[in-house]
Structures are given as C-alpha cells and as structure tokens.
Amino acid sequence: MTLRTLDSLGDLAGRTVLIRCDFNVPLADGRIADEGRIVASLPTLRALLEQGAKVVAMSHLGRPKGEPDPQYSLAPVAERLGELLDAEVAFAADTVGEDAQRVRIGLEDGQLALLENLRFDPRETSKDATERATFAAELAAGADAFISDGFGVVHREQASVFEVAQALPSAAGLLVQRELEVLSRLTESPERPYAVVLGGSKVSDKLGVIEHLLPRVDRLLIGGGMLFTFLAAKGLGVASSLLEEDQVERVRGYIADAEQRGVELLLPTDVVVAERFAADAEHETVAADAIESSRFGGAGIGLDIGPETAAAFAEAIRGSRTVFWNGPMGVFEMDAFAAGTKAVAQALTETDGLAVVGGGDSAAAVRQLGFDDDAFGHISTGGGASLEFLEGSRLPGLEVLGW
C-alpha cells in the first residue's frame, strides 16, 4: 500500500489542478456554523497556490436531490474561503456548464476557483458507473492533475472521488495524508492503555467498529443514545429512551466478548432522564438501573450520561495513552444535556498521549462547547470515513490512490 502523494505529481506551476475537498459544513440561515472542514483544507490549497497552480476546487454540501437547490449552495463557502486565504475565490454557478468553463478559463497561475455543489448533478452519486464516469470526464476536462483531499468522502464510490482519480494523474492531499497517519496509529501500533469512546444515537452505526476494535483495545466506553441498547442487553429497563431492539442480542454478544478478552467495558451507572425531548424539559439524574423508576415513569427519555458516569469516563480517558472518541454522550445541542459530552471532551484535552476526535457530531460538539482544535491531538474531518477505516472496510477513494 503506497499512497500517491503531492510529490508524485511533480511541479504543478502553471498547470490546472482539480481538487476534491470536503466543504460539507453546517449552515444556519445561510451562514457557516462550523468552518472546521474549510480550515482543514487550507494547507493543501496554500501549497498548490504557492506553487503557481491554477486550482479548481469542488465539493458537495448536504443532500440535495440531484438538482440545484439554493439552500445547499457553496457560495457562502467560496466567500469564507477567500477570507481565510486572503485571496479572491472565483465561484462558478454550476459544475460542468458554461459558468464553470468561463471561470476555469479565466484562472491565472496561483488563483483558485470553486465549483457549485457537485450533488446538484445526479451523476455524482449515481449507482451507474457509466453515468459517474461521464460526469467525471466532464469535471476532468482541461485539468492536468487531480488531488483528493476530502477525507470525509473517501468511503464513497462517487464520480468526484473515484472516477475522476482514474481519469487524471492523481494523488492524496495533505489533509488525507494526515488523517491516514493518525488513524493508522489507532489500528497498527496504539500506545497503551488504548481507550475507545463511542456515543451517538444508534448502536447499529457503530457495530462494525466495535467488532473490529474489541480485539485491539483495552477500554471501551459507551454513551449517547446507543447506551440504552447496551443497558437493555444487560436486562435493564430504559423507559422511552432510544432503543434498537433488533440489536440487543448482538450487543449481548459484544458484552460477553469484551469480558472474555479482558477488555474493560464501561457502561453508564447513572443517566439524565427527561420528561420529553426538549431543551426546557424537566429532568433528573437516576441510576442506570432505575430509569423506569424516575418520576417520569415509562415516558422518561434518557438524554445524557449522569455526573457519576462522566467522572468515571474522564478518569478512564485521562489514564489512557491513546484515545479515539466518536459520538457525543448526550444531546449536546441542548445545554441541559451537554455536561457528559463536555466532560469527555475536557478529559481528551488532558490525556498524556494521542487523543483523536472522530469527526462528525463529535467535532461539532467540541467546537460548540468552546474547545480549541489545538487542544486535541487530532480532529478528524470524516466521521463516517474514520469509522469505516477503523472497521477495516474498503475505502474506494483511497484504493484508487494506491492505498
């Protein structure tokens, strides 16, 4: 596995370089709510611009239905990108149409353009490889090289990720290189003790990573909505909390496997239970085996790990030399249910070793809760991609680059 890197493309001065970034950032009222992925793309973009390349960036944003949708326009990203680079960013109102051609032709050495949302064209995500290849050929037309720097999409077999890399001399950007360096340390040679902290809403989203990592970790900490399926697997009632009943038996097997392997499995001992799913809902902290005995009875909904659990998780994290965290511990968007997530994030900043925040909601949470990116060893830009990497799954966007 020899990943092709920027050096393999030689001198890019005066050449047109197509780069796949991941600018899939959250927007609120047309404004960027979290610019972490844009900032992460800057080192590669600056390296290309400083070489004197003509750079054409492309990305998706959200899930438009294969046609233009103003709420998913990348125009705000182009504006913010220009501010961060202190340079003008030409914005094309389409991907392969007349405006894209006009913008490309107008580029001079050391200038950058951004195409409109790739998913405004249904061929980007088509299940038909021929349709994707046709779109990729149109994207690649006039370009001399392709750089893949959107780690958040390398697990997708999509036109701008897979087929474009086949149509042009291609290589990984600095962001993708960094992601692979860090995530490889988590699977190949983690310093011990090695702890994995998993949260988020669904246990089904994490089954693969649990199965793949159980033989490799020393500690597994479970929070978020998925914790209730674990509690149910231990025979505990969870009232109206999120529960995937079809996964209970499988989770029961993981609990037994962890015990057999000597993996320290930390499940919550207390939970914050609310009367309903709302920021202003009445709530109380109860023992994990007393959720149905809360004052809300069977209507109670668990929305965060409790303070006793948060303290135990923080201690386990601080006592580890390698930590990977994916998924918030509760509904962090609501202040009343953010304490567990904040405690885990704080502990990661105090870890004497490598602490990795696994992208997605976890990355959004640490920024929303006021933590600086530099306080962590690494914040991944790809939640789903980082999980699939740790699962050992096939990643088409990396395979096509020689990985």
Protein backbone atom coordinates (compact mmCIF):
# COMPACT_ATOMS: atom_id res chain seq x y z
CA MET A 1 0.00 0.00 0.00
CA THR A 2 1.80 3.08 -1.30
CA LEU A 3 -0.37 6.16 -1.26
CA ARG A 4 0.45 8.58 -4.06
CA THR A 5 1.18 12.00 -2.58
CA LEU A 6 1.59 15.51 -3.95
CA ASP A 7 5.27 14.93 -4.69
CA SER A 8 4.35 12.25 -7.24
CA LEU A 9 2.72 14.89 -9.45
CA GLY A 10 5.91 16.91 -9.90
CA ASP A 11 5.97 20.66 -10.49
CA LEU A 12 2.41 21.96 -10.76
CA ALA A 13 3.28 25.57 -11.67
CA GLY A 14 1.06 26.76 -14.49
CA ARG A 15 -0.94 23.54 -14.51
CA THR A 16 -4.65 23.22 -13.85
CA VAL A 17 -5.28 21.11 -10.78
CA LEU A 18 -8.70 19.74 -9.84
CA ILE A 19 -9.04 19.13 -6.10
CA ARG A 20 -11.82 17.32 -4.26
CA CYS A 21 -12.32 18.97 -0.88
CA ASP A 22 -14.91 18.31 1.78
CA PHE A 23 -16.74 21.58 2.37
CA ASN A 24 -19.85 19.83 3.69
CA VAL A 25 -20.24 22.29 6.54
CA PRO A 26 -23.36 23.01 8.60
CA LEU A 27 -25.23 26.14 7.57
CA ALA A 28 -27.64 28.18 9.70
CA ASP A 29 -29.63 30.92 7.97
CA GLY A 30 -27.16 30.88 5.09
CA ARG A 31 -24.16 31.29 7.38
CA ILE A 32 -21.46 28.71 8.16
CA ALA A 33 -21.99 27.31 11.65
CA ASP A 34 -18.76 25.30 11.84
CA GLU A 35 -15.89 26.04 9.46
CA GLY A 36 -13.60 23.25 10.71
CA ARG A 37 -13.56 21.38 7.40
CA ILE A 38 -12.79 24.54 5.45
CA VAL A 39 -9.87 25.38 7.73
CA ALA A 40 -8.57 21.80 7.43
CA SER A 41 -8.38 22.16 3.65
CA LEU A 42 -6.17 25.27 3.74
CA PRO A 43 -2.69 23.63 3.93
CA THR A 44 -3.15 21.74 0.65
CA LEU A 45 -4.78 24.69 -1.10
CA ARG A 46 -2.00 27.04 0.01
CA ALA A 47 0.67 24.56 -1.12
CA LEU A 48 -0.87 24.41 -4.60
CA LEU A 49 -1.38 28.15 -4.90
CA GLU A 50 2.17 28.85 -3.75
CA GLN A 51 3.44 26.52 -6.46
CA GLY A 52 1.60 28.63 -9.01
CA ALA A 53 -1.05 26.08 -9.94
CA LYS A 54 -4.45 27.02 -11.32
CA VAL A 55 -6.67 25.39 -8.73
CA VAL A 56 -10.26 24.28 -9.29
CA ALA A 57 -11.84 23.08 -6.05
CA MET A 58 -15.01 21.02 -5.84
CA SER A 59 -17.19 19.63 -3.05
CA HIS A 60 -20.69 18.61 -2.08
CA LEU A 61 -22.82 20.16 0.64
CA GLY A 62 -25.81 18.48 2.23
CA ARG A 63 -28.17 16.15 0.43
CA PRO A 64 -29.82 17.97 -2.48
CA LYS A 65 -31.90 15.70 -4.71
CA GLY A 66 -29.67 15.78 -7.78
CA GLU A 67 -30.73 19.25 -8.88
CA PRO A 68 -29.88 22.85 -7.95
CA ASP A 69 -31.22 23.90 -4.54
CA PRO A 70 -30.24 27.37 -3.23
CA GLN A 71 -30.17 26.23 0.41
CA TYR A 72 -27.25 23.92 -0.44
CA SER A 73 -25.22 26.39 -2.50
CA LEU A 74 -21.48 26.55 -1.86
CA ALA A 75 -21.47 30.33 -2.38
CA PRO A 76 -21.03 31.04 1.38
CA VAL A 77 -18.08 28.63 1.40
CA ALA A 78 -16.42 30.45 -1.51
CA GLU A 79 -16.78 33.73 0.36
CA ARG A 80 -15.34 32.35 3.60
CA LEU A 81 -12.55 30.53 1.76
CA GLY A 82 -11.49 33.81 0.19
CA GLU A 83 -11.38 35.48 3.61
CA LEU A 84 -9.28 32.67 5.11
CA LEU A 85 -6.84 32.65 2.19
CA ASP A 86 -6.86 36.45 1.86
CA ALA A 87 -7.39 35.98 -1.86
CA GLU A 88 -10.22 36.18 -4.35
CA VAL A 89 -12.01 32.89 -4.97
CA ALA A 90 -13.85 32.72 -8.27
CA PHE A 91 -17.18 30.96 -7.85
CA ALA A 92 -18.86 29.01 -10.64
CA ALA A 93 -22.63 28.80 -10.51
CA ASP A 94 -22.55 25.27 -11.94
CA THR A 95 -20.20 22.27 -12.07
CA VAL A 96 -19.54 21.48 -15.73
CA GLY A 97 -21.69 24.07 -17.51
CA GLU A 98 -20.94 27.38 -19.17
CA ASP A 99 -20.13 29.23 -15.96
CA ALA A 100 -17.68 26.56 -14.82
CA GLN A 101 -15.94 26.75 -18.18
CA ARG A 102 -15.80 30.56 -18.01
CA VAL A 103 -14.32 30.50 -14.51
CA ARG A 104 -11.73 27.86 -15.39
CA ILE A 105 -10.58 29.67 -18.49
CA GLY A 106 -10.22 32.91 -16.53
CA LEU A 107 -7.88 31.42 -13.91
CA GLU A 108 -4.29 32.59 -13.84
CA ASP A 109 -1.34 30.91 -12.13
CA GLY A 110 -1.77 30.87 -8.35
CA GLN A 111 -5.52 31.51 -8.46
CA LEU A 112 -8.40 29.45 -7.06
CA ALA A 113 -11.94 28.73 -8.21
CA LEU A 114 -14.73 26.78 -6.51
CA LEU A 115 -17.41 24.91 -8.44
CA GLU A 116 -21.02 24.78 -7.29
CA ASN A 117 -22.32 21.81 -5.29
CA LEU A 118 -21.41 18.55 -7.05
CA ARG A 119 -24.62 16.90 -5.89
CA PHE A 120 -26.67 19.33 -7.95
CA ASP A 121 -25.84 16.84 -10.73
CA PRO A 122 -27.42 13.40 -10.15
CA ARG A 123 -24.49 11.67 -11.86
CA GLU A 124 -22.19 12.47 -8.92
CA THR A 125 -23.86 9.87 -6.70
CA SER A 126 -25.36 7.64 -9.40
CA LYS A 127 -25.33 3.87 -8.86
CA ASP A 128 -24.49 3.57 -12.56
CA ALA A 129 -20.70 3.57 -13.02
CA THR A 130 -21.05 4.72 -16.63
CA GLU A 131 -23.04 7.79 -15.60
CA ARG A 132 -20.48 8.61 -12.92
CA ALA A 133 -17.61 8.17 -15.38
CA THR A 134 -19.26 10.54 -17.86
CA PHE A 135 -19.64 13.22 -15.20
CA ALA A 136 -16.06 12.63 -14.05
CA ALA A 137 -14.77 13.08 -17.59
CA GLU A 138 -16.57 16.42 -17.85
CA LEU A 139 -15.13 17.52 -14.50
CA ALA A 140 -11.64 16.44 -15.57
CA ALA A 141 -11.76 18.15 -18.96
CA GLY A 142 -8.92 20.66 -19.25
CA ALA A 143 -7.29 19.64 -15.98
CA ASP A 144 -3.75 18.28 -15.73
CA ALA A 145 -3.97 16.55 -12.36
CA PHE A 146 -6.38 15.57 -9.58
CA ILE A 147 -5.87 15.78 -5.83
CA SER A 148 -8.13 14.00 -3.39
CA ASP A 149 -8.27 15.94 -0.14
CA GLY A 150 -11.81 15.32 1.09
CA PHE A 151 -11.28 12.60 3.66
CA GLY A 152 -14.93 12.71 4.65
CA VAL A 153 -15.90 11.16 1.29
CA VAL A 154 -13.13 8.60 0.63
CA HIS A 155 -15.50 5.80 1.67
CA ARG A 156 -17.84 6.74 -1.20
CA GLU A 157 -17.61 5.44 -4.75
CA GLN A 158 -18.72 8.71 -6.33
CA ALA A 159 -17.69 10.48 -9.51
CA SER A 160 -15.61 13.24 -7.91
CA VAL A 161 -13.91 10.79 -5.55
CA PHE A 162 -13.36 7.62 -7.57
CA GLU A 163 -13.79 8.07 -11.32
CA VAL A 164 -12.01 11.46 -11.53
CA ALA A 165 -8.98 9.87 -9.86
CA GLN A 166 -8.93 7.34 -12.70
CA ALA A 167 -9.32 9.98 -15.38
CA LEU A 168 -6.31 12.11 -14.36
CA PRO A 169 -2.87 11.70 -12.76
CA SER A 170 -3.97 11.65 -9.11
CA ALA A 171 -2.63 11.89 -5.58
CA ALA A 172 -3.73 12.45 -2.00
CA GLY A 173 -3.62 15.92 -0.47
CA LEU A 174 -2.03 16.87 2.85
CA LEU A 175 -5.29 16.53 4.77
CA VAL A 176 -5.87 12.95 3.61
CA GLN A 177 -2.23 12.10 4.37
CA ARG A 178 -2.56 13.43 7.91
CA GLU A 179 -5.81 11.56 8.52
CA LEU A 180 -4.24 8.29 7.41
CA GLU A 181 -1.13 8.81 9.52
CA VAL A 182 -3.19 9.33 12.67
CA LEU A 183 -5.84 6.69 12.07
CA SER A 184 -3.20 4.12 11.15
CA ARG A 185 -1.67 4.64 14.59
CA LEU A 186 -5.02 3.67 16.08
CA THR A 187 -5.11 0.35 14.26
CA GLU A 188 -1.48 -0.67 13.87
CA SER A 189 0.55 0.44 16.86
CA PRO A 190 -1.51 2.26 19.50
CA GLU A 191 0.30 3.20 22.68
CA ARG A 192 -1.40 1.54 25.65
CA PRO A 193 -3.69 1.71 27.50
CA TYR A 194 -5.89 2.26 24.44
CA ALA A 195 -9.44 3.52 25.05
CA VAL A 196 -12.27 3.92 22.54
CA VAL A 197 -15.22 6.12 23.49
CA LEU A 198 -18.38 5.62 21.43
CA GLY A 199 -21.60 7.61 21.57
CA GLY A 200 -24.14 8.99 19.15
CA SER A 201 -27.70 7.91 18.60
CA LYS A 202 -27.57 4.46 17.03
CA VAL A 203 -25.59 1.41 18.07
CA SER A 204 -26.14 -0.02 14.58
CA ASP A 205 -23.88 2.73 13.18
CA LYS A 206 -21.04 1.52 15.41
CA LEU A 207 -21.36 -2.27 15.23
CA GLY A 208 -18.57 -2.69 12.72
CA VAL A 209 -16.10 -0.58 14.64
CA ILE A 210 -16.95 -2.32 17.95
CA GLU A 211 -16.40 -5.73 16.38
CA HIS A 212 -13.14 -4.70 14.71
CA LEU A 213 -11.68 -2.90 17.73
CA LEU A 214 -12.63 -5.26 20.57
CA PRO A 215 -9.51 -7.40 19.97
CA ARG A 216 -7.36 -4.25 19.86
CA VAL A 217 -8.47 -2.01 22.74
CA ASP A 218 -8.02 -2.05 26.49
CA ARG A 219 -11.09 0.03 27.35
CA LEU A 220 -14.43 0.59 25.62
CA LEU A 221 -16.67 3.38 26.93
CA ILE A 222 -20.29 3.55 25.77
CA GLY A 223 -22.50 6.65 25.97
CA GLY A 224 -25.02 8.53 23.83
CA GLY A 225 -28.27 7.07 22.61
CA MET A 226 -26.58 3.75 21.93
CA LEU A 227 -26.04 3.17 25.65
CA PHE A 228 -29.67 2.13 26.11
CA THR A 229 -29.32 -0.85 23.81
CA PHE A 230 -26.36 -1.93 25.97
CA LEU A 231 -28.40 -1.48 29.15
CA ALA A 232 -31.25 -3.46 27.62
CA ALA A 233 -28.77 -6.20 26.71
CA LYS A 234 -27.96 -6.42 30.43
CA GLY A 235 -31.65 -6.82 31.23
CA LEU A 236 -32.33 -3.26 32.38
CA GLY A 237 -35.42 -1.20 31.54
CA VAL A 238 -34.89 2.02 29.56
CA ALA A 239 -38.44 3.51 29.55
CA SER A 240 -38.93 5.58 26.36
CA SER A 241 -35.21 6.06 25.68
CA LEU A 242 -33.79 5.30 22.24
CA LEU A 243 -33.57 1.54 21.85
CA GLU A 244 -32.70 -0.69 18.92
CA GLU A 245 -34.40 -3.87 19.97
CA ASP A 246 -33.17 -5.77 16.92
CA GLN A 247 -29.58 -5.22 18.06
CA VAL A 248 -29.93 -6.31 21.69
CA GLU A 249 -28.81 -9.89 21.11
CA ARG A 250 -25.79 -8.80 19.09
CA VAL A 251 -24.81 -6.29 21.75
CA ARG A 252 -25.14 -9.01 24.37
CA GLY A 253 -22.55 -10.93 22.39
CA TYR A 254 -20.18 -7.95 22.41
CA ILE A 255 -20.53 -7.65 26.17
CA ALA A 256 -19.58 -11.30 26.56
CA ASP A 257 -16.72 -10.95 24.07
CA ALA A 258 -15.31 -7.95 25.94
CA GLU A 259 -15.38 -9.89 29.20
CA GLN A 260 -13.68 -12.90 27.63
CA ARG A 261 -10.94 -10.73 26.13
CA GLY A 262 -10.35 -8.79 29.34
CA VAL A 263 -11.47 -5.53 27.76
CA GLU A 264 -12.69 -3.03 30.36
CA LEU A 265 -16.25 -2.20 29.23
CA LEU A 266 -17.51 0.96 30.92
CA LEU A 267 -21.27 1.47 30.75
CA PRO A 268 -23.09 4.36 32.43
CA THR A 269 -24.02 3.95 36.08
CA ASP A 270 -26.31 6.98 36.03
CA VAL A 271 -28.35 8.75 33.37
CA VAL A 272 -30.05 12.13 32.96
CA VAL A 273 -33.70 11.36 32.23
CA ALA A 274 -36.15 13.96 30.85
CA GLU A 275 -39.92 14.07 30.59
CA ARG A 276 -39.65 14.79 26.84
CA PHE A 277 -37.15 15.59 24.11
CA ALA A 278 -36.85 19.36 24.52
CA ALA A 279 -34.29 21.88 25.71
CA ASP A 280 -36.56 23.08 28.51
CA ALA A 281 -37.83 19.66 29.57
CA GLU A 282 -37.92 18.76 33.25
CA HIS A 283 -35.20 16.23 34.03
CA GLU A 284 -33.47 14.36 36.82
CA THR A 285 -30.46 12.09 37.27
CA VAL A 286 -31.18 8.48 38.18
CA ALA A 287 -29.17 5.28 38.48
CA ALA A 288 -28.83 3.33 35.25
CA ASP A 289 -30.91 0.51 36.73
CA ALA A 290 -33.68 2.89 37.79
CA ILE A 291 -34.59 4.68 34.55
CA GLU A 292 -38.15 3.36 34.64
CA SER A 293 -38.42 4.42 38.29
CA SER A 294 -37.79 8.09 37.54
CA ARG A 295 -40.62 10.47 38.29
CA PHE A 296 -41.48 10.38 34.57
CA GLY A 297 -42.10 6.65 34.66
CA GLY A 298 -42.28 4.83 31.35
CA ALA A 299 -42.39 8.14 29.46
CA GLY A 300 -38.90 9.12 30.62
CA ILE A 301 -36.22 9.64 27.96
CA GLY A 302 -32.51 9.36 28.71
CA LEU A 303 -30.73 12.33 27.13
CA ASP A 304 -27.25 12.32 28.70
CA ILE A 305 -24.90 10.29 30.85
CA GLY A 306 -25.00 11.30 34.50
CA PRO A 307 -22.28 13.09 36.51
CA GLU A 308 -21.03 9.89 38.18
CA THR A 309 -20.56 8.27 34.77
CA ALA A 310 -18.97 11.42 33.34
CA ALA A 311 -16.40 11.42 36.16
CA ALA A 312 -15.63 7.72 35.67
CA PHE A 313 -15.28 8.16 31.90
CA ALA A 314 -12.98 11.17 32.37
CA GLU A 315 -10.76 9.20 34.73
CA ALA A 316 -10.52 6.29 32.30
CA ILE A 317 -9.70 8.65 29.42
CA ARG A 318 -7.03 10.54 31.33
CA GLY A 319 -5.48 7.22 32.33
CA SER A 320 -5.10 6.13 28.70
CA ARG A 321 -2.24 6.81 26.31
CA THR A 322 -4.33 6.51 23.14
CA VAL A 323 -7.98 7.60 22.91
CA PHE A 324 -10.40 7.58 19.98
CA TRP A 325 -13.76 9.25 20.52
CA ASN A 326 -16.70 9.18 18.12
CA GLY A 327 -20.19 10.31 19.05
CA PRO A 328 -21.50 12.69 21.74
CA MET A 329 -22.54 11.39 25.15
CA GLY A 330 -25.90 13.14 25.06
CA VAL A 331 -27.95 15.78 23.27
CA PHE A 332 -25.15 18.33 23.47
CA GLU A 333 -27.08 20.86 21.39
CA MET A 334 -29.27 21.40 24.47
CA ASP A 335 -27.42 22.95 27.41
CA ALA A 336 -29.19 20.79 29.98
CA PHE A 337 -27.89 17.63 28.33
CA ALA A 338 -24.38 18.69 27.27
CA ALA A 339 -22.46 18.00 30.50
CA GLY A 340 -21.45 14.43 29.65
CA THR A 341 -20.08 15.37 26.25
CA LYS A 342 -18.22 18.34 27.75
CA ALA A 343 -16.64 16.14 30.43
CA VAL A 344 -15.39 13.66 27.83
CA ALA A 345 -14.01 16.44 25.62
CA GLN A 346 -12.24 18.05 28.59
CA ALA A 347 -10.66 14.72 29.55
CA LEU A 348 -9.35 14.25 26.00
CA THR A 349 -7.54 17.58 26.26
CA GLU A 350 -5.86 16.31 29.44
CA THR A 351 -4.71 12.96 28.02
CA ASP A 352 -0.97 12.37 28.10
CA GLY A 353 -0.81 10.75 24.69
CA LEU A 354 -2.71 10.71 21.40
CA ALA A 355 -6.33 11.89 21.66
CA VAL A 356 -8.38 11.70 18.47
CA VAL A 357 -11.83 13.21 17.99
CA GLY A 358 -13.50 11.11 15.31
CA GLY A 359 -15.22 13.77 13.24
CA GLY A 360 -18.93 14.31 12.61
CA ASP A 361 -21.03 15.31 15.61
CA SER A 362 -18.06 14.92 17.97
CA ALA A 363 -16.09 17.56 16.08
CA ALA A 364 -19.10 19.87 16.01
CA ALA A 365 -19.63 19.31 19.72
CA VAL A 366 -16.13 20.26 20.85
CA ARG A 367 -16.29 23.49 18.88
CA GLN A 368 -19.81 24.36 20.03
CA LEU A 369 -18.77 23.70 23.63
CA GLY A 370 -15.89 26.16 23.32
CA PHE A 371 -12.86 23.92 22.90
CA ASP A 372 -9.98 24.90 20.64
CA ASP A 373 -8.98 22.45 17.89
CA ASP A 374 -5.37 22.65 19.02
CA ALA A 375 -6.32 21.21 22.42
CA PHE A 376 -6.69 17.77 20.83
CA GLY A 377 -4.15 15.54 19.16
CA HIS A 378 -6.29 15.34 16.05
CA ILE A 379 -9.84 16.16 14.99
CA SER A 380 -10.86 14.02 12.05
CA THR A 381 -12.80 15.65 9.21
CA GLY A 382 -14.59 12.42 8.34
CA GLY A 383 -16.93 10.82 10.85
CA GLY A 384 -18.22 8.01 8.64
CA ALA A 385 -14.91 7.61 6.82
CA SER A 386 -12.91 7.40 10.05
CA LEU A 387 -15.28 4.76 11.43
CA GLU A 388 -15.10 2.70 8.24
CA PHE A 389 -11.30 2.98 8.28
CA LEU A 390 -11.23 1.63 11.83
CA GLU A 391 -13.66 -1.13 10.82
CA GLY A 392 -11.20 -2.26 8.18
CA SER A 393 -13.77 -1.60 5.45
CA ARG A 394 -12.98 -0.97 1.81
CA LEU A 395 -12.39 2.73 1.06
CA PRO A 396 -12.68 3.23 -2.72
CA GLY A 397 -11.38 6.80 -2.64
CA LEU A 398 -8.10 5.59 -1.10
CA GLU A 399 -7.75 2.42 -3.16
CA VAL A 400 -7.79 4.48 -6.35
CA LEU A 401 -4.83 6.48 -4.97
CA GLY A 402 -2.76 3.36 -4.42
CA TRP A 403 -3.62 2.73 -0.76
